[in-house]
Amino acid sequence: MGHLYFFPGIEVIPTAKGLFLLQHKYIRDLLSKTSMNMAKDVHTPMSTSSPLTLSDGSASTDSTKYRKVIGALQYLGLTRPDIAFAVNRLSQFMHKPTKCHWTAAK
């Protein structure tokens, strides 16, 4: 079958020590789908100043879009374990996301 170079959403680069997994294209596609191509980088995956709660008083947001983005972030966690806690926390609100949850996801 040959060498593995691409697996759905994951680029595989063979090295002397093993395999190096990248998801650059997957990340760019996700940013494009959410209209965040020009977003700035941050050092922490989630704000630590505002706690997330189930009913924060903000308006509801599109739950289908929210679920798709959180699902994509969960798949991204295969090569980015640093976002695991933030994605897990955001996934707790998938049944009724608010604008505050959507802002935290972005």
PDB file of N, CA and C in Angstrom:
ATOM      1  N   MET A   1       0.803  -1.191   0.000  1.00  0.00           N
ATOM      2  CA  MET A   1       0.000   0.000   0.000  1.00  0.00           C
ATOM      3  C   MET A   1       0.851   1.261   0.000  1.00  0.00           C
ATOM      4  N   GLY A   2       2.082   1.157   0.338  1.00  0.00           N
ATOM      5  CA  GLY A   2       2.956   2.326   0.343  1.00  0.00           C
ATOM      6  C   GLY A   2       3.020   3.000   1.708  1.00  0.00           C
ATOM      7  N   HIS A   3       3.712   4.111   1.731  1.00  0.00           N
ATOM      8  CA  HIS A   3       3.882   4.862   2.970  1.00  0.00           C
ATOM      9  C   HIS A   3       2.660   5.726   3.246  1.00  0.00           C
ATOM     10  N   LEU A   4       2.390   5.946   4.515  1.00  0.00           N
ATOM     11  CA  LEU A   4       1.291   6.795   4.938  1.00  0.00           C
ATOM     12  C   LEU A   4       1.774   8.237   4.983  1.00  0.00           C
ATOM     13  N   TYR A   5       1.127   9.125   4.215  1.00  0.00           N
ATOM     14  CA  TYR A   5       1.486  10.531   4.228  1.00  0.00           C
ATOM     15  C   TYR A   5       0.332  11.414   4.666  1.00  0.00           C
ATOM     16  N   PHE A   6      -0.877  10.919   4.516  1.00  0.00           N
ATOM     17  CA  PHE A   6      -2.035  11.713   4.917  1.00  0.00           C
ATOM     18  C   PHE A   6      -3.128  10.783   5.405  1.00  0.00           C
ATOM     19  N   PHE A   7      -3.680  11.106   6.545  1.00  0.00           N
ATOM     20  CA  PHE A   7      -4.809  10.401   7.124  1.00  0.00           C
ATOM     21  C   PHE A   7      -5.870  11.476   7.331  1.00  0.00           C
ATOM     22  N   PRO A   8      -7.151  11.224   7.190  1.00  0.00           N
ATOM     23  CA  PRO A   8      -8.158  12.292   7.222  1.00  0.00           C
ATOM     24  C   PRO A   8      -7.897  13.369   8.272  1.00  0.00           C
ATOM     25  N   GLY A   9      -7.496  14.538   7.785  1.00  0.00           N
ATOM     26  CA  GLY A   9      -7.229  15.675   8.647  1.00  0.00           C
ATOM     27  C   GLY A   9      -5.862  15.679   9.293  1.00  0.00           C
ATOM     28  N   ILE A  10      -5.074  14.646   9.102  1.00  0.00           N
ATOM     29  CA  ILE A  10      -3.760  14.552   9.746  1.00  0.00           C
ATOM     30  C   ILE A  10      -2.689  14.279   8.691  1.00  0.00           C
ATOM     31  N   GLU A  11      -1.694  15.159   8.644  1.00  0.00           N
ATOM     32  CA  GLU A  11      -0.557  14.966   7.754  1.00  0.00           C
ATOM     33  C   GLU A  11       0.493  14.160   8.519  1.00  0.00           C
ATOM     34  N   VAL A  12       1.035  13.133   7.896  1.00  0.00           N
ATOM     35  CA  VAL A  12       1.995  12.244   8.546  1.00  0.00           C
ATOM     36  C   VAL A  12       3.358  12.422   7.873  1.00  0.00           C
ATOM     37  N   ILE A  13       4.365  12.792   8.659  1.00  0.00           N
ATOM     38  CA  ILE A  13       5.716  12.988   8.141  1.00  0.00           C
ATOM     39  C   ILE A  13       6.636  11.991   8.823  1.00  0.00           C
ATOM     40  N   PRO A  14       7.207  11.045   8.053  1.00  0.00           N
ATOM     41  CA  PRO A  14       8.144  10.091   8.655  1.00  0.00           C
ATOM     42  C   PRO A  14       9.465  10.787   9.005  1.00  0.00           C
ATOM     43  N   THR A  15       9.972  10.504  10.197  1.00  0.00           N
ATOM     44  CA  THR A  15      11.268  11.022  10.634  1.00  0.00           C
ATOM     45  C   THR A  15      12.124   9.850  11.092  1.00  0.00           C
ATOM     46  N   ALA A  16      13.348  10.138  11.447  1.00  0.00           N
ATOM     47  CA  ALA A  16      14.254   9.093  11.914  1.00  0.00           C
ATOM     48  C   ALA A  16      13.773   8.493  13.245  1.00  0.00           C
ATOM     49  N   LYS A  17      13.061   9.278  14.039  1.00  0.00           N
ATOM     50  CA  LYS A  17      12.591   8.819  15.346  1.00  0.00           C
ATOM     51  C   LYS A  17      11.174   8.251  15.324  1.00  0.00           C
ATOM     52  N   GLY A  18      10.492   8.346  14.203  1.00  0.00           N
ATOM     53  CA  GLY A  18       9.118   7.856  14.126  1.00  0.00           C
ATOM     54  C   GLY A  18       8.286   8.691  13.185  1.00  0.00           C
ATOM     55  N   LEU A  19       7.066   8.927  13.559  1.00  0.00           N
ATOM     56  CA  LEU A  19       6.152   9.710  12.728  1.00  0.00           C
ATOM     57  C   LEU A  19       5.841  11.041  13.404  1.00  0.00           C
ATOM     58  N   PHE A  20       5.767  12.088  12.601  1.00  0.00           N
ATOM     59  CA  PHE A  20       5.411  13.417  13.076  1.00  0.00           C
ATOM     60  C   PHE A  20       4.034  13.741  12.514  1.00  0.00           C
ATOM     61  N   LEU A  21       3.074  14.036  13.385  1.00  0.00           N
ATOM     62  CA  LEU A  21       1.706  14.286  12.963  1.00  0.00           C
ATOM     63  C   LEU A  21       1.393  15.778  12.996  1.00  0.00           C
ATOM     64  N   LEU A  22       0.816  16.279  11.916  1.00  0.00           N
ATOM     65  CA  LEU A  22       0.451  17.692  11.799  1.00  0.00           C
ATOM     66  C   LEU A  22      -1.006  17.828  11.392  1.00  0.00           C
ATOM     67  N   GLN A  23      -1.628  18.907  11.806  1.00  0.00           N
ATOM     68  CA  GLN A  23      -2.992  19.184  11.382  1.00  0.00           C
ATOM     69  C   GLN A  23      -3.125  20.636  10.905  1.00  0.00           C
ATOM     70  N   HIS A  24      -2.088  21.168  10.257  1.00  0.00           N
ATOM     71  CA  HIS A  24      -2.111  22.557   9.799  1.00  0.00           C
ATOM     72  C   HIS A  24      -3.265  22.834   8.840  1.00  0.00           C
ATOM     73  N   LYS A  25      -3.455  21.980   7.853  1.00  0.00           N
ATOM     74  CA  LYS A  25      -4.526  22.184   6.883  1.00  0.00           C
ATOM     75  C   LYS A  25      -5.888  22.090   7.572  1.00  0.00           C
ATOM     76  N   TYR A  26      -6.033  21.146   8.478  1.00  0.00           N
ATOM     77  CA  TYR A  26      -7.279  20.980   9.218  1.00  0.00           C
ATOM     78  C   TYR A  26      -7.595  22.247  10.014  1.00  0.00           C
ATOM     79  N   ILE A  27      -6.590  22.817  10.648  1.00  0.00           N
ATOM     80  CA  ILE A  27      -6.777  24.040  11.429  1.00  0.00           C
ATOM     81  C   ILE A  27      -7.158  25.198  10.516  1.00  0.00           C
ATOM     82  N   ARG A  28      -6.459  25.342   9.390  1.00  0.00           N
ATOM     83  CA  ARG A  28      -6.784  26.417   8.453  1.00  0.00           C
ATOM     84  C   ARG A  28      -8.212  26.277   7.925  1.00  0.00           C
ATOM     85  N   ASP A  29      -8.639  25.054   7.615  1.00  0.00           N
ATOM     86  CA  ASP A  29     -10.001  24.819   7.140  1.00  0.00           C
ATOM     87  C   ASP A  29     -11.028  25.163   8.221  1.00  0.00           C
ATOM     88  N   LEU A  30     -10.745  24.799   9.459  1.00  0.00           N
ATOM     89  CA  LEU A  30     -11.651  25.108  10.565  1.00  0.00           C
ATOM     90  C   LEU A  30     -11.763  26.618  10.768  1.00  0.00           C
ATOM     91  N   LEU A  31     -10.646  27.318  10.706  1.00  0.00           N
ATOM     92  CA  LEU A  31     -10.672  28.775  10.841  1.00  0.00           C
ATOM     93  C   LEU A  31     -11.444  29.414   9.699  1.00  0.00           C
ATOM     94  N   SER A  32     -11.299  28.872   8.520  1.00  0.00           N
ATOM     95  CA  SER A  32     -12.020  29.387   7.357  1.00  0.00           C
ATOM     96  C   SER A  32     -13.529  29.175   7.506  1.00  0.00           C
ATOM     97  N   LYS A  33     -13.934  27.993   7.948  1.00  0.00           N
ATOM     98  CA  LYS A  33     -15.358  27.685   8.128  1.00  0.00           C
ATOM     99  C   LYS A  33     -16.020  28.584   9.159  1.00  0.00           C
ATOM    100  N   THR A  34     -15.277  29.019  10.159  1.00  0.00           N
ATOM    101  CA  THR A  34     -15.832  29.841  11.225  1.00  0.00           C
ATOM    102  C   THR A  34     -15.541  31.328  11.013  1.00  0.00           C
ATOM    103  N   SER A  35     -15.049  31.693   9.831  1.00  0.00           N
ATOM    104  CA  SER A  35     -14.727  33.089   9.471  1.00  0.00           C
ATOM    105  C   SER A  35     -13.746  33.714  10.460  1.00  0.00           C
ATOM    106  N   MET A  36     -12.752  32.925  10.850  1.00  0.00           N
ATOM    107  CA  MET A  36     -11.745  33.413  11.791  1.00  0.00           C
ATOM    108  C   MET A  36     -10.339  33.362  11.186  1.00  0.00           C
ATOM    109  N   ASN A  37     -10.243  33.522   9.866  1.00  0.00           N
ATOM    110  CA  ASN A  37      -8.942  33.457   9.189  1.00  0.00           C
ATOM    111  C   ASN A  37      -7.951  34.476   9.726  1.00  0.00           C
ATOM    112  N   MET A  38      -8.440  35.645  10.103  1.00  0.00           N
ATOM    113  CA  MET A  38      -7.552  36.721  10.544  1.00  0.00           C
ATOM    114  C   MET A  38      -7.429  36.800  12.071  1.00  0.00           C
ATOM    115  N   ALA A  39      -7.828  35.759  12.769  1.00  0.00           N
ATOM    116  CA  ALA A  39      -7.770  35.760  14.234  1.00  0.00           C
ATOM    117  C   ALA A  39      -6.321  35.792  14.710  1.00  0.00           C
ATOM    118  N   LYS A  40      -6.101  36.447  15.827  1.00  0.00           N
ATOM    119  CA  LYS A  40      -4.764  36.536  16.407  1.00  0.00           C
ATOM    120  C   LYS A  40      -4.491  35.305  17.262  1.00  0.00           C
ATOM    121  N   ASP A  41      -3.228  34.940  17.377  1.00  0.00           N
ATOM    122  CA  ASP A  41      -2.814  33.827  18.227  1.00  0.00           C
ATOM    123  C   ASP A  41      -2.963  34.211  19.701  1.00  0.00           C
ATOM    124  N   VAL A  42      -3.204  33.211  20.538  1.00  0.00           N
ATOM    125  CA  VAL A  42      -3.235  33.411  21.985  1.00  0.00           C
ATOM    126  C   VAL A  42      -2.342  32.350  22.620  1.00  0.00           C
ATOM    127  N   HIS A  43      -1.860  32.657  23.815  1.00  0.00           N
ATOM    128  CA  HIS A  43      -0.961  31.727  24.497  1.00  0.00           C
ATOM    129  C   HIS A  43      -1.707  30.679  25.303  1.00  0.00           C
ATOM    130  N   THR A  44      -2.913  31.002  25.752  1.00  0.00           N
ATOM    131  CA  THR A  44      -3.712  30.044  26.503  1.00  0.00           C
ATOM    132  C   THR A  44      -4.931  29.668  25.677  1.00  0.00           C
ATOM    133  N   PRO A  45      -5.337  28.405  25.689  1.00  0.00           N
ATOM    134  CA  PRO A  45      -6.468  27.988  24.867  1.00  0.00           C
ATOM    135  C   PRO A  45      -7.816  28.527  25.324  1.00  0.00           C
ATOM    136  N   MET A  46      -7.913  29.043  26.549  1.00  0.00           N
ATOM    137  CA  MET A  46      -9.196  29.518  27.041  1.00  0.00           C
ATOM    138  C   MET A  46      -8.971  30.602  28.093  1.00  0.00           C
ATOM    139  N   SER A  47      -9.870  31.573  28.112  1.00  0.00           N
ATOM    140  CA  SER A  47      -9.773  32.645  29.092  1.00  0.00           C
ATOM    141  C   SER A  47      -9.941  32.083  30.502  1.00  0.00           C
ATOM    142  N   THR A  48      -9.108  32.543  31.399  1.00  0.00           N
ATOM    143  CA  THR A  48      -9.202  32.089  32.789  1.00  0.00           C
ATOM    144  C   THR A  48      -9.927  33.102  33.659  1.00  0.00           C
ATOM    145  N   SER A  49     -10.271  34.260  33.097  1.00  0.00           N
ATOM    146  CA  SER A  49     -10.882  35.309  33.903  1.00  0.00           C
ATOM    147  C   SER A  49     -12.405  35.183  34.024  1.00  0.00           C
ATOM    148  N   SER A  50     -13.072  34.580  33.034  1.00  0.00           N
ATOM    149  CA  SER A  50     -14.532  34.476  33.110  1.00  0.00           C
ATOM    150  C   SER A  50     -14.953  33.005  33.150  1.00  0.00           C
ATOM    151  N   PRO A  51     -15.546  32.578  34.274  1.00  0.00           N
ATOM    152  CA  PRO A  51     -15.978  31.175  34.374  1.00  0.00           C
ATOM    153  C   PRO A  51     -17.206  30.912  33.501  1.00  0.00           C
ATOM    154  N   LEU A  52     -17.310  29.717  32.960  1.00  0.00           N
ATOM    155  CA  LEU A  52     -18.452  29.333  32.138  1.00  0.00           C
ATOM    156  C   LEU A  52     -19.490  28.632  33.006  1.00  0.00           C
ATOM    157  N   THR A  53     -20.749  29.028  32.835  1.00  0.00           N
ATOM    158  CA  THR A  53     -21.837  28.412  33.559  1.00  0.00           C
ATOM    159  C   THR A  53     -22.938  28.040  32.579  1.00  0.00           C
ATOM    160  N   LEU A  54     -23.841  27.181  33.008  1.00  0.00           N
ATOM    161  CA  LEU A  54     -24.912  26.716  32.136  1.00  0.00           C
ATOM    162  C   LEU A  54     -25.843  27.847  31.731  1.00  0.00           C
ATOM    163  N   SER A  55     -26.259  28.649  32.683  1.00  0.00           N
ATOM    164  CA  SER A  55     -27.140  29.780  32.366  1.00  0.00           C
ATOM    165  C   SER A  55     -26.432  31.064  32.768  1.00  0.00           C
ATOM    166  N   ASP A  56     -25.781  31.663  31.806  1.00  0.00           N
ATOM    167  CA  ASP A  56     -24.996  32.868  32.088  1.00  0.00           C
ATOM    168  C   ASP A  56     -25.749  34.152  31.780  1.00  0.00           C
ATOM    169  N   GLY A  57     -26.996  34.047  31.328  1.00  0.00           N
ATOM    170  CA  GLY A  57     -27.795  35.225  31.058  1.00  0.00           C
ATOM    171  C   GLY A  57     -27.679  35.765  29.641  1.00  0.00           C
ATOM    172  N   SER A  58     -26.770  35.230  28.834  1.00  0.00           N
ATOM    173  CA  SER A  58     -26.653  35.694  27.456  1.00  0.00           C
ATOM    174  C   SER A  58     -27.599  34.909  26.555  1.00  0.00           C
ATOM    175  N   ALA A  59     -27.815  35.420  25.368  1.00  0.00           N
ATOM    176  CA  ALA A  59     -28.752  34.802  24.422  1.00  0.00           C
ATOM    177  C   ALA A  59     -28.218  33.477  23.890  1.00  0.00           C
ATOM    178  N   SER A  60     -29.141  32.637  23.452  1.00  0.00           N
ATOM    179  CA  SER A  60     -28.750  31.354  22.853  1.00  0.00           C
ATOM    180  C   SER A  60     -28.087  31.585  21.504  1.00  0.00           C
ATOM    181  N   THR A  61     -27.276  30.626  21.096  1.00  0.00           N
ATOM    182  CA  THR A  61     -26.616  30.688  19.795  1.00  0.00           C
ATOM    183  C   THR A  61     -26.946  29.425  19.015  1.00  0.00           C
ATOM    184  N   ASP A  62     -26.525  29.369  17.778  1.00  0.00           N
ATOM    185  CA  ASP A  62     -26.799  28.227  16.903  1.00  0.00           C
ATOM    186  C   ASP A  62     -26.105  26.980  17.452  1.00  0.00           C
ATOM    187  N   SER A  63     -26.894  26.042  17.990  1.00  0.00           N
ATOM    188  CA  SER A  63     -26.303  24.862  18.623  1.00  0.00           C
ATOM    189  C   SER A  63     -25.672  23.922  17.597  1.00  0.00           C
ATOM    190  N   THR A  64     -26.195  23.886  16.368  1.00  0.00           N
ATOM    191  CA  THR A  64     -25.616  23.006  15.345  1.00  0.00           C
ATOM    192  C   THR A  64     -24.207  23.455  14.996  1.00  0.00           C
ATOM    193  N   LYS A  65     -24.027  24.738  14.782  1.00  0.00           N
ATOM    194  CA  LYS A  65     -22.695  25.267  14.458  1.00  0.00           C
ATOM    195  C   LYS A  65     -21.740  25.050  15.630  1.00  0.00           C
ATOM    196  N   TYR A  66     -22.230  25.290  16.838  1.00  0.00           N
ATOM    197  CA  TYR A  66     -21.411  25.109  18.041  1.00  0.00           C
ATOM    198  C   TYR A  66     -20.946  23.661  18.148  1.00  0.00           C
ATOM    199  N   ARG A  67     -21.858  22.720  17.947  1.00  0.00           N
ATOM    200  CA  ARG A  67     -21.508  21.294  18.036  1.00  0.00           C
ATOM    201  C   ARG A  67     -20.480  20.904  16.983  1.00  0.00           C
ATOM    202  N   LYS A  68     -20.630  21.423  15.780  1.00  0.00           N
ATOM    203  CA  LYS A  68     -19.666  21.110  14.716  1.00  0.00           C
ATOM    204  C   LYS A  68     -18.276  21.605  15.068  1.00  0.00           C
ATOM    205  N   VAL A  69     -18.205  22.815  15.594  1.00  0.00           N
ATOM    206  CA  VAL A  69     -16.903  23.381  15.953  1.00  0.00           C
ATOM    207  C   VAL A  69     -16.285  22.610  17.116  1.00  0.00           C
ATOM    208  N   ILE A  70     -17.069  22.287  18.129  1.00  0.00           N
ATOM    209  CA  ILE A  70     -16.537  21.541  19.279  1.00  0.00           C
ATOM    210  C   ILE A  70     -16.091  20.149  18.829  1.00  0.00           C
ATOM    211  N   GLY A  71     -16.856  19.502  17.965  1.00  0.00           N
ATOM    212  CA  GLY A  71     -16.448  18.201  17.429  1.00  0.00           C
ATOM    213  C   GLY A  71     -15.145  18.294  16.659  1.00  0.00           C
ATOM    214  N   ALA A  72     -14.995  19.346  15.869  1.00  0.00           N
ATOM    215  CA  ALA A  72     -13.746  19.548  15.125  1.00  0.00           C
ATOM    216  C   ALA A  72     -12.583  19.787  16.075  1.00  0.00           C
ATOM    217  N   LEU A  73     -12.835  20.527  17.148  1.00  0.00           N
ATOM    218  CA  LEU A  73     -11.776  20.765  18.134  1.00  0.00           C
ATOM    219  C   LEU A  73     -11.407  19.487  18.878  1.00  0.00           C
ATOM    220  N   GLN A  74     -12.379  18.612  19.109  1.00  0.00           N
ATOM    221  CA  GLN A  74     -12.070  17.330  19.751  1.00  0.00           C
ATOM    222  C   GLN A  74     -11.151  16.499  18.855  1.00  0.00           C
ATOM    223  N   TYR A  75     -11.412  16.499  17.552  1.00  0.00           N
ATOM    224  CA  TYR A  75     -10.552  15.764  16.619  1.00  0.00           C
ATOM    225  C   TYR A  75      -9.172  16.420  16.559  1.00  0.00           C
ATOM    226  N   LEU A  76      -9.127  17.724  16.652  1.00  0.00           N
ATOM    227  CA  LEU A  76      -7.855  18.439  16.645  1.00  0.00           C
ATOM    228  C   LEU A  76      -7.020  18.076  17.873  1.00  0.00           C
ATOM    229  N   GLY A  77      -7.679  17.699  18.945  1.00  0.00           N
ATOM    230  CA  GLY A  77      -6.983  17.317  20.170  1.00  0.00           C
ATOM    231  C   GLY A  77      -6.095  16.086  20.030  1.00  0.00           C
ATOM    232  N   LEU A  78      -6.229  15.355  18.921  1.00  0.00           N
ATOM    233  CA  LEU A  78      -5.344  14.203  18.693  1.00  0.00           C
ATOM    234  C   LEU A  78      -3.882  14.620  18.626  1.00  0.00           C
ATOM    235  N   THR A  79      -3.635  15.768  18.020  1.00  0.00           N
ATOM    236  CA  THR A  79      -2.256  16.246  17.905  1.00  0.00           C
ATOM    237  C   THR A  79      -2.001  17.471  18.766  1.00  0.00           C
ATOM    238  N   ARG A  80      -3.024  17.983  19.429  1.00  0.00           N
ATOM    239  CA  ARG A  80      -2.885  19.167  20.274  1.00  0.00           C
ATOM    240  C   ARG A  80      -3.460  18.908  21.663  1.00  0.00           C
ATOM    241  N   PRO A  81      -2.782  18.124  22.495  1.00  0.00           N
ATOM    242  CA  PRO A  81      -3.318  17.820  23.825  1.00  0.00           C
ATOM    243  C   PRO A  81      -3.435  19.055  24.722  1.00  0.00           C
ATOM    244  N   ASP A  82      -2.787  20.154  24.359  1.00  0.00           N
ATOM    245  CA  ASP A  82      -2.858  21.367  25.171  1.00  0.00           C
ATOM    246  C   ASP A  82      -4.251  21.999  25.170  1.00  0.00           C
ATOM    247  N   ILE A  83      -5.104  21.631  24.213  1.00  0.00           N
ATOM    248  CA  ILE A  83      -6.452  22.200  24.173  1.00  0.00           C
ATOM    249  C   ILE A  83      -7.489  21.263  24.792  1.00  0.00           C
ATOM    250  N   ALA A  84      -7.069  20.114  25.287  1.00  0.00           N
ATOM    251  CA  ALA A  84      -7.991  19.091  25.782  1.00  0.00           C
ATOM    252  C   ALA A  84      -8.897  19.610  26.902  1.00  0.00           C
ATOM    253  N   PHE A  85      -8.345  20.313  27.880  1.00  0.00           N
ATOM    254  CA  PHE A  85      -9.166  20.791  28.995  1.00  0.00           C
ATOM    255  C   PHE A  85     -10.203  21.793  28.508  1.00  0.00           C
ATOM    256  N   ALA A  86      -9.789  22.749  27.690  1.00  0.00           N
ATOM    257  CA  ALA A  86     -10.707  23.780  27.196  1.00  0.00           C
ATOM    258  C   ALA A  86     -11.826  23.163  26.358  1.00  0.00           C
ATOM    259  N   VAL A  87     -11.489  22.225  25.493  1.00  0.00           N
ATOM    260  CA  VAL A  87     -12.495  21.589  24.646  1.00  0.00           C
ATOM    261  C   VAL A  87     -13.458  20.763  25.498  1.00  0.00           C
ATOM    262  N   ASN A  88     -12.932  20.061  26.484  1.00  0.00           N
ATOM    263  CA  ASN A  88     -13.787  19.294  27.385  1.00  0.00           C
ATOM    264  C   ASN A  88     -14.751  20.212  28.119  1.00  0.00           C
ATOM    265  N   ARG A  89     -14.256  21.326  28.589  1.00  0.00           N
ATOM    266  CA  ARG A  89     -15.104  22.284  29.313  1.00  0.00           C
ATOM    267  C   ARG A  89     -16.194  22.840  28.399  1.00  0.00           C
ATOM    268  N   LEU A  90     -15.840  23.198  27.171  1.00  0.00           N
ATOM    269  CA  LEU A  90     -16.817  23.743  26.226  1.00  0.00           C
ATOM    270  C   LEU A  90     -17.837  22.695  25.788  1.00  0.00           C
ATOM    271  N   SER A  91     -17.432  21.436  25.746  1.00  0.00           N
ATOM    272  CA  SER A  91     -18.342  20.381  25.306  1.00  0.00           C
ATOM    273  C   SER A  91     -19.454  20.125  26.332  1.00  0.00           C
ATOM    274  N   GLN A  92     -19.291  20.607  27.538  1.00  0.00           N
ATOM    275  CA  GLN A  92     -20.313  20.441  28.566  1.00  0.00           C
ATOM    276  C   GLN A  92     -21.558  21.293  28.302  1.00  0.00           C
ATOM    277  N   PHE A  93     -21.461  22.215  27.344  1.00  0.00           N
ATOM    278  CA  PHE A  93     -22.575  23.120  27.058  1.00  0.00           C
ATOM    279  C   PHE A  93     -23.152  22.903  25.659  1.00  0.00           C
ATOM    280  N   MET A  94     -22.907  21.748  25.061  1.00  0.00           N
ATOM    281  CA  MET A  94     -23.352  21.512  23.692  1.00  0.00           C
ATOM    282  C   MET A  94     -24.873  21.424  23.575  1.00  0.00           C
ATOM    283  N   HIS A  95     -25.579  21.065  24.607  1.00  0.00           N
ATOM    284  CA  HIS A  95     -27.031  20.928  24.514  1.00  0.00           C
ATOM    285  C   HIS A  95     -27.747  22.277  24.455  1.00  0.00           C
ATOM    286  N   LYS A  96     -27.152  23.332  25.034  1.00  0.00           N
ATOM    287  CA  LYS A  96     -27.778  24.656  24.996  1.00  0.00           C
ATOM    288  C   LYS A  96     -26.701  25.745  25.095  1.00  0.00           C
ATOM    289  N   PRO A  97     -25.933  25.930  24.023  1.00  0.00           N
ATOM    290  CA  PRO A  97     -24.861  26.934  24.074  1.00  0.00           C
ATOM    291  C   PRO A  97     -25.412  28.357  24.006  1.00  0.00           C
ATOM    292  N   THR A  98     -24.707  29.262  24.653  1.00  0.00           N
ATOM    293  CA  THR A  98     -25.064  30.679  24.624  1.00  0.00           C
ATOM    294  C   THR A  98     -23.970  31.453  23.892  1.00  0.00           C
ATOM    295  N   LYS A  99     -24.191  32.751  23.733  1.00  0.00           N
ATOM    296  CA  LYS A  99     -23.182  33.582  23.065  1.00  0.00           C
ATOM    297  C   LYS A  99     -21.881  33.599  23.856  1.00  0.00           C
ATOM    298  N   CYS A 100     -21.968  33.512  25.162  1.00  0.00           N
ATOM    299  CA  CYS A 100     -20.773  33.471  26.004  1.00  0.00           C
ATOM    300  C   CYS A 100     -19.960  32.196  25.716  1.00  0.00           C
ATOM    301  N   HIS A 101     -20.648  31.072  25.554  1.00  0.00           N
ATOM    302  CA  HIS A 101     -19.963  29.811  25.242  1.00  0.00           C
ATOM    303  C   HIS A 101     -19.328  29.886  23.849  1.00  0.00           C
ATOM    304  N   TRP A 102     -20.049  30.474  22.899  1.00  0.00           N
ATOM    305  CA  TRP A 102     -19.513  30.609  21.537  1.00  0.00           C
ATOM    306  C   TRP A 102     -18.266  31.494  21.524  1.00  0.00           C
ATOM    307  N   THR A 103     -18.309  32.569  22.294  1.00  0.00           N
ATOM    308  CA  THR A 103     -17.149  33.460  22.401  1.00  0.00           C
ATOM    309  C   THR A 103     -15.965  32.708  23.000  1.00  0.00           C
ATOM    310  N   ALA A 104     -16.204  31.908  24.005  1.00  0.00           N
ATOM    311  CA  ALA A 104     -15.126  31.117  24.618  1.00  0.00           C
ATOM    312  C   ALA A 104     -14.570  30.098  23.619  1.00  0.00           C
ATOM    313  N   ALA A 105     -15.437  29.516  22.796  1.00  0.00           N
ATOM    314  CA  ALA A 105     -14.978  28.549  21.799  1.00  0.00           C
ATOM    315  C   ALA A 105     -14.090  29.228  20.762  1.00  0.00           C
ATOM    316  N   LYS A 106     -14.470  30.437  20.365  1.00  0.00           N
ATOM    317  CA  LYS A 106     -13.657  31.171  19.381  1.00  0.00           C
ATOM    318  C   LYS A 106     -12.326  31.540  19.980  1.00  0.00           C
TER     319      LYS A 106
END
